[in-house]
């Protein structure tokens, strides 16, 4: 079951995603993180613009949260929509990185 604010599309999943206002600094920072990480593994040279829709899924205790982000980034002079999933690990979760880019793909709203 998905929850979304009025006028906002539900995320494409049956999972328990909860709408998160995209004007929060943390959400915009996660969008920037997703673009930077994508640029590390693909020679796209994307430039982050903004996150325009976002949802959060709370994982099991001590694992952290998943964030589903719909964002815009400039690619070869053209603004393109993308969908990213970022895992923000719980404090104390073993592993070298506090955040991981789980997926990143073009998205048609």
N, C-alpha and C. Protein backbone atom coordinates (compact mmCIF):
# COMPACT_ATOMS: atom_id res chain seq x y z
N UNK A 1 0.84 -1.17 0.00
CA UNK A 1 0.00 0.00 0.00
C UNK A 1 0.89 1.23 0.00
N UNK A 2 0.65 2.15 -0.92
CA UNK A 2 1.45 3.36 -1.02
C UNK A 2 0.66 4.55 -0.52
N UNK A 3 1.34 5.50 0.05
CA UNK A 3 0.71 6.71 0.55
C UNK A 3 1.31 7.89 -0.19
N UNK A 4 0.46 8.79 -0.68
CA UNK A 4 0.97 9.96 -1.40
C UNK A 4 0.11 11.17 -1.07
N UNK A 5 0.72 12.34 -1.15
CA UNK A 5 -0.01 13.58 -0.92
C UNK A 5 -0.86 13.89 -2.14
N UNK A 6 -1.83 14.77 -1.96
CA UNK A 6 -2.72 15.15 -3.06
C UNK A 6 -1.90 15.69 -4.23
N UNK A 7 -2.20 15.21 -5.43
CA UNK A 7 -1.52 15.66 -6.62
C UNK A 7 -0.18 15.00 -6.88
N UNK A 8 0.23 14.10 -6.01
CA UNK A 8 1.51 13.42 -6.17
C UNK A 8 1.24 11.97 -6.53
N UNK A 9 1.92 11.48 -7.56
CA UNK A 9 1.74 10.10 -7.97
C UNK A 9 2.27 9.15 -6.90
N UNK A 10 1.62 8.01 -6.76
CA UNK A 10 2.14 6.97 -5.87
C UNK A 10 3.36 6.34 -6.52
N UNK A 11 4.31 5.88 -5.73
CA UNK A 11 5.49 5.25 -6.31
C UNK A 11 5.11 3.93 -6.98
N UNK A 12 5.89 3.52 -7.98
CA UNK A 12 5.55 2.32 -8.75
C UNK A 12 5.92 1.04 -8.00
N UNK A 13 5.20 0.73 -6.94
CA UNK A 13 5.52 -0.46 -6.16
C UNK A 13 4.39 -0.79 -5.21
N UNK A 14 4.34 -2.03 -4.77
CA UNK A 14 3.37 -2.43 -3.74
C UNK A 14 3.96 -2.28 -2.35
N UNK A 15 5.20 -1.86 -2.26
CA UNK A 15 5.88 -1.73 -0.98
C UNK A 15 5.30 -0.58 -0.16
N UNK A 16 5.68 -0.50 1.08
CA UNK A 16 5.18 0.53 1.98
C UNK A 16 6.01 1.81 1.89
N UNK A 17 5.82 2.54 0.83
CA UNK A 17 6.49 3.82 0.63
C UNK A 17 5.62 4.92 1.21
N UNK A 18 6.22 5.83 1.93
CA UNK A 18 5.52 6.97 2.53
C UNK A 18 6.05 8.25 1.90
N UNK A 19 5.13 9.10 1.46
CA UNK A 19 5.52 10.36 0.83
C UNK A 19 6.35 11.21 1.80
N UNK A 20 7.41 11.82 1.27
CA UNK A 20 8.26 12.73 2.03
C UNK A 20 8.32 14.04 1.24
N UNK A 21 8.07 15.18 1.87
CA UNK A 21 8.15 16.45 1.15
C UNK A 21 9.54 16.65 0.53
N UNK A 22 9.56 16.95 -0.76
CA UNK A 22 10.83 17.07 -1.46
C UNK A 22 11.56 18.38 -1.18
N UNK A 23 10.95 19.30 -0.44
CA UNK A 23 11.62 20.56 -0.14
C UNK A 23 12.53 20.47 1.08
N UNK A 24 12.65 19.29 1.67
CA UNK A 24 13.55 19.09 2.81
C UNK A 24 14.99 19.04 2.28
N UNK A 25 15.89 19.69 3.00
CA UNK A 25 17.30 19.72 2.60
C UNK A 25 17.87 18.32 2.46
N UNK A 26 17.52 17.42 3.39
CA UNK A 26 18.02 16.04 3.34
C UNK A 26 17.65 15.37 2.01
N UNK A 27 16.45 15.59 1.53
CA UNK A 27 15.99 14.96 0.29
C UNK A 27 16.77 15.50 -0.90
N UNK A 28 16.97 16.81 -0.96
CA UNK A 28 17.75 17.39 -2.05
C UNK A 28 19.19 16.89 -2.02
N UNK A 29 19.76 16.75 -0.81
CA UNK A 29 21.12 16.24 -0.67
C UNK A 29 21.22 14.78 -1.14
N UNK A 30 20.18 13.99 -0.88
CA UNK A 30 20.17 12.60 -1.37
C UNK A 30 20.12 12.56 -2.89
N UNK A 31 19.39 13.49 -3.48
CA UNK A 31 19.35 13.58 -4.95
C UNK A 31 20.71 13.92 -5.52
N UNK A 32 21.40 14.87 -4.90
CA UNK A 32 22.76 15.23 -5.35
C UNK A 32 23.69 14.02 -5.21
N UNK A 33 23.57 13.33 -4.08
CA UNK A 33 24.39 12.13 -3.85
C UNK A 33 24.16 11.11 -4.96
N UNK A 34 22.90 10.87 -5.32
CA UNK A 34 22.58 9.89 -6.35
C UNK A 34 23.24 10.25 -7.68
N UNK A 35 23.19 11.52 -8.05
CA UNK A 35 23.78 11.95 -9.32
C UNK A 35 25.31 11.81 -9.28
N UNK A 36 25.92 12.21 -8.18
CA UNK A 36 27.38 12.08 -8.04
C UNK A 36 27.81 10.62 -8.15
N UNK A 37 27.09 9.74 -7.46
CA UNK A 37 27.42 8.31 -7.51
C UNK A 37 27.22 7.74 -8.91
N UNK A 38 26.17 8.15 -9.58
CA UNK A 38 25.92 7.68 -10.95
C UNK A 38 27.04 8.13 -11.87
N UNK A 39 27.50 9.37 -11.69
CA UNK A 39 28.59 9.89 -12.53
C UNK A 39 29.88 9.11 -12.31
N UNK A 40 30.07 8.52 -11.14
CA UNK A 40 31.28 7.74 -10.85
C UNK A 40 31.33 6.44 -11.65
N UNK A 41 30.15 5.89 -11.97
CA UNK A 41 30.11 4.59 -12.64
C UNK A 41 29.71 4.67 -14.11
N UNK A 42 29.22 5.83 -14.55
CA UNK A 42 28.82 6.02 -15.95
C UNK A 42 29.37 7.36 -16.44
N UNK A 43 29.85 7.42 -17.66
CA UNK A 43 30.44 8.66 -18.17
C UNK A 43 29.39 9.67 -18.68
N UNK A 44 28.32 9.84 -17.94
CA UNK A 44 27.24 10.72 -18.39
C UNK A 44 27.47 12.18 -18.06
N UNK A 45 28.25 12.47 -17.03
CA UNK A 45 28.49 13.84 -16.58
C UNK A 45 27.17 14.59 -16.33
N UNK A 46 26.31 13.97 -15.54
CA UNK A 46 25.03 14.59 -15.18
C UNK A 46 25.25 15.75 -14.23
N UNK A 47 24.39 16.76 -14.33
CA UNK A 47 24.39 17.88 -13.40
C UNK A 47 23.05 17.90 -12.68
N UNK A 48 23.08 17.73 -11.36
CA UNK A 48 21.86 17.68 -10.56
C UNK A 48 21.08 18.98 -10.66
N UNK A 49 19.76 18.87 -10.77
CA UNK A 49 18.87 20.03 -10.75
C UNK A 49 18.07 20.04 -9.46
N UNK A 50 17.13 19.07 -9.33
CA UNK A 50 16.34 18.99 -8.10
C UNK A 50 15.57 17.69 -8.01
N UNK A 51 15.16 17.36 -6.78
CA UNK A 51 14.26 16.24 -6.53
C UNK A 51 12.86 16.83 -6.52
N UNK A 52 11.96 16.27 -7.33
CA UNK A 52 10.60 16.83 -7.39
C UNK A 52 9.54 15.91 -6.77
N UNK A 53 9.87 14.67 -6.47
CA UNK A 53 8.99 13.77 -5.73
C UNK A 53 9.87 12.82 -4.93
N UNK A 54 9.40 12.45 -3.73
CA UNK A 54 10.22 11.55 -2.91
C UNK A 54 9.36 10.75 -1.94
N UNK A 55 9.84 9.53 -1.68
CA UNK A 55 9.18 8.63 -0.75
C UNK A 55 10.24 7.94 0.09
N UNK A 56 9.81 7.43 1.23
CA UNK A 56 10.73 6.76 2.16
C UNK A 56 10.11 5.43 2.58
N UNK A 57 10.97 4.40 2.71
CA UNK A 57 10.56 3.12 3.25
C UNK A 57 11.48 2.80 4.42
N UNK A 58 10.89 2.58 5.58
CA UNK A 58 11.68 2.22 6.76
C UNK A 58 11.96 0.73 6.71
N UNK A 59 13.23 0.38 6.75
CA UNK A 59 13.63 -1.02 6.72
C UNK A 59 13.61 -1.60 8.12
N UNK A 60 13.99 -2.83 8.26
CA UNK A 60 14.04 -3.48 9.57
C UNK A 60 14.97 -2.69 10.51
N UNK A 61 14.72 -2.83 11.78
CA UNK A 61 15.52 -2.15 12.80
C UNK A 61 17.00 -2.40 12.52
N UNK A 62 17.78 -1.37 12.66
CA UNK A 62 19.24 -1.41 12.49
C UNK A 62 19.69 -1.51 11.03
N UNK A 63 18.79 -1.39 10.07
CA UNK A 63 19.19 -1.42 8.66
C UNK A 63 19.19 -0.03 8.05
N UNK A 64 18.23 0.81 8.43
CA UNK A 64 18.14 2.15 7.87
C UNK A 64 16.88 2.35 7.06
N UNK A 65 16.97 3.26 6.08
CA UNK A 65 15.81 3.62 5.27
C UNK A 65 16.17 3.63 3.79
N UNK A 66 15.18 3.32 2.96
CA UNK A 66 15.31 3.48 1.51
C UNK A 66 14.57 4.73 1.10
N UNK A 67 15.12 5.47 0.17
CA UNK A 67 14.47 6.65 -0.38
C UNK A 67 14.30 6.47 -1.87
N UNK A 68 13.09 6.65 -2.34
CA UNK A 68 12.77 6.62 -3.77
C UNK A 68 12.64 8.06 -4.21
N UNK A 69 13.48 8.47 -5.15
CA UNK A 69 13.54 9.87 -5.57
C UNK A 69 13.25 9.99 -7.06
N UNK A 70 12.39 10.93 -7.40
CA UNK A 70 12.22 11.33 -8.78
C UNK A 70 12.92 12.67 -8.89
N UNK A 71 13.93 12.72 -9.76
CA UNK A 71 14.75 13.91 -9.84
C UNK A 71 15.01 14.31 -11.28
N UNK A 72 15.51 15.53 -11.42
CA UNK A 72 15.90 16.05 -12.74
C UNK A 72 17.39 16.33 -12.72
N UNK A 73 18.03 16.01 -13.85
CA UNK A 73 19.45 16.30 -14.01
C UNK A 73 19.70 16.66 -15.48
N UNK A 74 20.66 17.52 -15.68
CA UNK A 74 21.04 17.94 -17.02
C UNK A 74 21.99 16.91 -17.61
N UNK A 75 21.64 16.41 -18.80
CA UNK A 75 22.47 15.43 -19.51
C UNK A 75 22.66 15.92 -20.93
N UNK A 76 23.89 16.24 -21.29
CA UNK A 76 24.20 16.73 -22.64
C UNK A 76 23.33 17.94 -23.01
N UNK A 77 23.14 18.84 -22.06
CA UNK A 77 22.38 20.06 -22.31
C UNK A 77 20.87 19.90 -22.28
N UNK A 78 20.37 18.72 -21.95
CA UNK A 78 18.93 18.45 -21.91
C UNK A 78 18.54 18.01 -20.50
N UNK A 79 17.44 18.58 -19.98
CA UNK A 79 16.94 18.19 -18.66
C UNK A 79 16.23 16.85 -18.80
N UNK A 80 16.65 15.86 -18.00
CA UNK A 80 16.12 14.49 -18.07
C UNK A 80 15.61 14.10 -16.69
N UNK A 81 14.51 13.35 -16.66
CA UNK A 81 13.95 12.81 -15.41
C UNK A 81 14.59 11.46 -15.10
N UNK A 82 14.90 11.26 -13.81
CA UNK A 82 15.48 10.01 -13.37
C UNK A 82 14.76 9.53 -12.11
N UNK A 83 14.83 8.22 -11.89
CA UNK A 83 14.36 7.63 -10.64
C UNK A 83 15.57 7.00 -9.97
N UNK A 84 15.79 7.36 -8.71
CA UNK A 84 16.91 6.81 -7.95
C UNK A 84 16.39 6.21 -6.66
N UNK A 85 17.04 5.16 -6.21
CA UNK A 85 16.78 4.60 -4.89
C UNK A 85 18.09 4.65 -4.12
N UNK A 86 18.02 5.29 -2.95
CA UNK A 86 19.20 5.45 -2.10
C UNK A 86 18.91 4.79 -0.76
N UNK A 87 19.86 3.98 -0.32
CA UNK A 87 19.78 3.34 1.00
C UNK A 87 20.62 4.16 1.97
N UNK A 88 19.95 4.73 2.97
CA UNK A 88 20.64 5.43 4.06
C UNK A 88 20.70 4.46 5.22
N UNK A 89 21.90 4.01 5.50
CA UNK A 89 22.08 2.96 6.51
C UNK A 89 21.93 3.52 7.92
N UNK A 90 21.41 2.68 8.80
CA UNK A 90 21.25 3.06 10.20
C UNK A 90 22.62 3.29 10.83
N UNK A 91 22.67 4.20 11.77
CA UNK A 91 23.92 4.45 12.49
C UNK A 91 24.37 3.16 13.16
N UNK A 92 25.61 2.81 12.97
CA UNK A 92 26.13 1.58 13.56
C UNK A 92 26.03 0.37 12.64
N UNK A 93 25.34 0.52 11.49
CA UNK A 93 25.26 -0.60 10.54
C UNK A 93 26.65 -0.84 9.96
N UNK A 94 27.07 -2.09 9.93
CA UNK A 94 28.42 -2.37 9.45
C UNK A 94 28.51 -2.08 7.95
N UNK A 95 29.62 -1.57 7.55
CA UNK A 95 29.87 -1.22 6.17
C UNK A 95 30.57 0.11 6.10
N UNK A 96 31.36 0.33 5.04
CA UNK A 96 32.17 1.53 4.97
C UNK A 96 31.41 2.80 4.61
N UNK A 97 30.29 2.69 3.94
CA UNK A 97 29.57 3.88 3.47
C UNK A 97 28.22 4.03 4.16
N UNK A 98 27.89 5.26 4.61
CA UNK A 98 26.60 5.49 5.26
C UNK A 98 25.42 5.50 4.28
N UNK A 99 25.72 5.71 2.98
CA UNK A 99 24.68 5.73 1.95
C UNK A 99 25.15 4.91 0.76
N UNK A 100 24.19 4.29 0.09
CA UNK A 100 24.48 3.51 -1.11
C UNK A 100 23.43 3.80 -2.16
N UNK A 101 23.88 4.04 -3.39
CA UNK A 101 22.96 4.17 -4.52
C UNK A 101 22.56 2.77 -4.95
N UNK A 102 21.29 2.44 -4.80
CA UNK A 102 20.78 1.10 -5.10
C UNK A 102 20.42 0.99 -6.59
N UNK A 103 19.76 2.02 -7.13
CA UNK A 103 19.41 2.02 -8.55
C UNK A 103 19.28 3.45 -9.05
N UNK A 104 19.48 3.59 -10.36
CA UNK A 104 19.38 4.90 -11.01
C UNK A 104 19.03 4.65 -12.46
N UNK A 105 17.91 5.20 -12.91
CA UNK A 105 17.48 4.99 -14.30
C UNK A 105 16.63 6.16 -14.78
N UNK A 106 16.57 6.28 -16.10
CA UNK A 106 15.70 7.31 -16.67
C UNK A 106 14.27 6.97 -16.31
N UNK A 107 13.46 8.04 -16.16
CA UNK A 107 12.10 7.89 -15.67
C UNK A 107 11.18 8.79 -16.49
N UNK A 108 10.05 8.25 -16.90
CA UNK A 108 9.04 9.04 -17.60
C UNK A 108 7.88 9.27 -16.64
N UNK A 109 7.69 10.54 -16.20
CA UNK A 109 6.60 10.81 -15.24
C UNK A 109 5.23 10.61 -15.85
